[in-house]
C-alpha atoms as a PDB file:
ATOM      1  CA  MET A   1      -1.707 -13.408  10.326  1.00  0.00           C
ATOM      2  CA  SER A   2       1.923 -12.830   9.687  1.00  0.00           C
ATOM      3  CA  GLN A   3       4.017 -11.354   5.966  1.00  0.00           C
ATOM      4  CA  THR A   4       7.391 -12.216   7.862  1.00  0.00           C
ATOM      5  CA  ASP A   5       7.021 -16.150   9.313  1.00  0.00           C
ATOM      6  CA  LYS A   6       6.243 -13.628  12.866  1.00  0.00           C
ATOM      7  CA  LYS A   7       9.576 -11.909  12.346  1.00  0.00           C
ATOM      8  CA  ALA A   8       9.768  -8.628  12.555  1.00  0.00           C
ATOM      9  CA  ALA A   9       8.841  -6.199   9.932  1.00  0.00           C
ATOM     10  CA  VAL A  10      10.384  -2.820   8.596  1.00  0.00           C
ATOM     11  CA  LEU A  11       8.404  -0.554   7.105  1.00  0.00           C
ATOM     12  CA  PRO A  12       9.702   2.304   5.796  1.00  0.00           C
ATOM     13  CA  GLY A  13       7.353   4.912   3.290  1.00  0.00           C
ATOM     14  CA  LEU A  14       6.939   8.354   1.348  1.00  0.00           C
ATOM     15  CA  VAL A  15       3.561  10.379   1.262  1.00  0.00           C
ATOM     16  CA  TRP A  16       3.439  13.308  -0.945  1.00  0.00           C
ATOM     17  CA  GLU A  17       0.524  15.554  -0.743  1.00  0.00           C
ATOM     18  CA  ALA A  18      -0.636  18.325  -2.857  1.00  0.00           C
ATOM     19  CA  GLY A  19      -2.330  20.976  -0.667  1.00  0.00           C
ATOM     20  CA  ASN A  20      -5.608  20.637  -2.459  1.00  0.00           C
ATOM     21  CA  GLY A  21      -6.891  17.189  -1.362  1.00  0.00           C
ATOM     22  CA  LEU A  22      -4.699  14.429  -3.808  1.00  0.00           C
ATOM     23  CA  TYR A  23      -2.003  12.489  -2.393  1.00  0.00           C
ATOM     24  CA  ALA A  24       0.678   9.593  -3.169  1.00  0.00           C
ATOM     25  CA  GLY A  25       2.815   7.329  -1.321  1.00  0.00           C
ATOM     26  CA  LEU A  26       5.098   4.293  -1.743  1.00  0.00           C
ATOM     27  CA  ARG A  27       5.827   2.126   1.010  1.00  0.00           C
ATOM     28  CA  VAL A  28       8.403  -1.052   1.532  1.00  0.00           C
ATOM     29  CA  SER A  29       8.252  -4.005   3.623  1.00  0.00           C
ATOM     30  CA  ASN A  30      10.043  -7.052   4.003  1.00  0.00           C
ATOM     31  CA  VAL A  31       7.751 -10.067   3.501  1.00  0.00           C
ATOM     32  CA  ASP A  32       8.484 -14.119   4.066  1.00  0.00           C
ATOM     33  CA  PHE A  33       6.056 -16.120   2.691  1.00  0.00           C
ATOM     34  CA  GLY A  34       8.467 -19.290   2.700  1.00  0.00           C
ATOM     35  CA  GLU A  35       8.384 -19.658  -1.135  1.00  0.00           C
ATOM     36  CA  GLY A  36      11.440 -16.942  -1.750  1.00  0.00           C
ATOM     37  CA  THR A  37       9.042 -13.434  -2.126  1.00  0.00           C
ATOM     38  CA  LYS A  38      10.958 -11.469   0.042  1.00  0.00           C
ATOM     39  CA  VAL A  39       9.883  -7.604  -0.692  1.00  0.00           C
ATOM     40  CA  GLU A  40       6.795  -5.923  -0.517  1.00  0.00           C
ATOM     41  CA  PHE A  41       6.269  -2.510  -2.514  1.00  0.00           C
ATOM     42  CA  ASP A  42       3.009  -0.343  -2.084  1.00  0.00           C
ATOM     43  CA  GLY A  43       2.154   2.241  -4.213  1.00  0.00           C
ATOM     44  CA  TYR A  44      -0.949   4.216  -3.885  1.00  0.00           C
ATOM     45  CA  ILE A  45      -3.147   7.618  -5.026  1.00  0.00           C
ATOM     46  CA  GLY A  46      -5.546   9.096  -3.753  1.00  0.00           C
ATOM     47  CA  TYR A  47      -7.823  12.130  -3.143  1.00  0.00           C
ATOM     48  CA  TYR A  48      -9.777  13.273   0.100  1.00  0.00           C
ATOM     49  CA  HIS A  49     -12.617  15.585   0.351  1.00  0.00           C
ATOM     50  CA  GLN A  50     -13.942  17.746   3.795  1.00  0.00           C
ATOM     51  CA  PHE A  51     -17.984  18.267   2.964  1.00  0.00           C
ATOM     52  CA  ASN A  52     -19.313  20.154   5.490  1.00  0.00           C
ATOM     53  CA  HIS A  53     -20.368  17.173   8.178  1.00  0.00           C
ATOM     54  CA  PHE A  54     -17.909  14.289   6.856  1.00  0.00           C
ATOM     55  CA  GLY A  55     -15.132  13.867   4.800  1.00  0.00           C
ATOM     56  CA  MET A  56     -14.147  11.850   1.822  1.00  0.00           C
ATOM     57  CA  ASP A  57     -11.034   9.704   0.992  1.00  0.00           C
ATOM     58  CA  ILE A  58     -10.822   7.727  -2.561  1.00  0.00           C
ATOM     59  CA  GLY A  59      -7.738   5.740  -3.396  1.00  0.00           C
ATOM     60  CA  PHE A  60      -6.244   3.132  -5.446  1.00  0.00           C
ATOM     61  CA  PRO A  61      -3.474   1.465  -3.703  1.00  0.00           C
ATOM     62  CA  GLN A  62      -1.385  -1.205  -6.198  1.00  0.00           C
ATOM     63  CA  TYR A  63       0.748  -3.943  -4.340  1.00  0.00           C
ATOM     64  CA  THR A  64       3.436  -5.727  -5.668  1.00  0.00           C
ATOM     65  CA  TYR A  65       5.555  -8.680  -4.418  1.00  0.00           C
ATOM     66  CA  HIS A  66       9.365  -9.328  -5.611  1.00  0.00           C
ATOM     67  CA  GLY A  67      12.195 -12.170  -5.007  1.00  0.00           C
ATOM     68  CA  LYS A  68      11.758 -15.464  -7.033  1.00  0.00           C
ATOM     69  CA  SER A  69      10.161 -14.994 -10.802  1.00  0.00           C
ATOM     70  CA  TYR A  70       6.392 -16.032  -9.855  1.00  0.00           C
ATOM     71  CA  SER A  71       6.425 -13.667  -7.040  1.00  0.00           C
ATOM     72  CA  SER A  72       4.783 -11.450  -9.218  1.00  0.00           C
ATOM     73  CA  ASP A  73       1.858 -13.546  -9.414  1.00  0.00           C
ATOM     74  CA  LEU A  74       0.851 -12.118  -5.921  1.00  0.00           C
ATOM     75  CA  ASN A  75       0.144  -8.705  -7.098  1.00  0.00           C
ATOM     76  CA  PHE A  76      -2.578  -6.953  -6.837  1.00  0.00           C
ATOM     77  CA  ARG A  77      -4.942  -3.595  -6.908  1.00  0.00           C
ATOM     78  CA  GLU A  78      -7.789  -2.341  -5.061  1.00  0.00           C
ATOM     79  CA  LEU A  79      -9.745   0.700  -4.985  1.00  0.00           C
ATOM     80  CA  TYR A  80     -10.919   2.097  -1.589  1.00  0.00           C
ATOM     81  CA  LEU A  81     -13.970   4.895  -0.742  1.00  0.00           C
ATOM     82  CA  ILE A  82     -13.927   5.887   2.605  1.00  0.00           C
ATOM     83  CA  ARG A  83     -16.701   8.267   4.455  1.00  0.00           C
ATOM     84  CA  ARG A  84     -14.773   9.883   7.330  1.00  0.00           C
END
């Protein structure tokens, strides 16, 4: 599956970590869905905690799309919970 019509993608991002398990970040990428949407911004916030024998990561990302006026119809959120 390609979000760039099989062209190269650039994915710069920034991550901030508080040192107590809390983190947040922002990523940006070029996209080409063939209908005018050209940019994707992904923002997220999460928390990681290490227990005795496993870690738990919970987070909330928001994906937003930009280009044409209707590109925002593609926006969505998620919630994740990962045991590591």
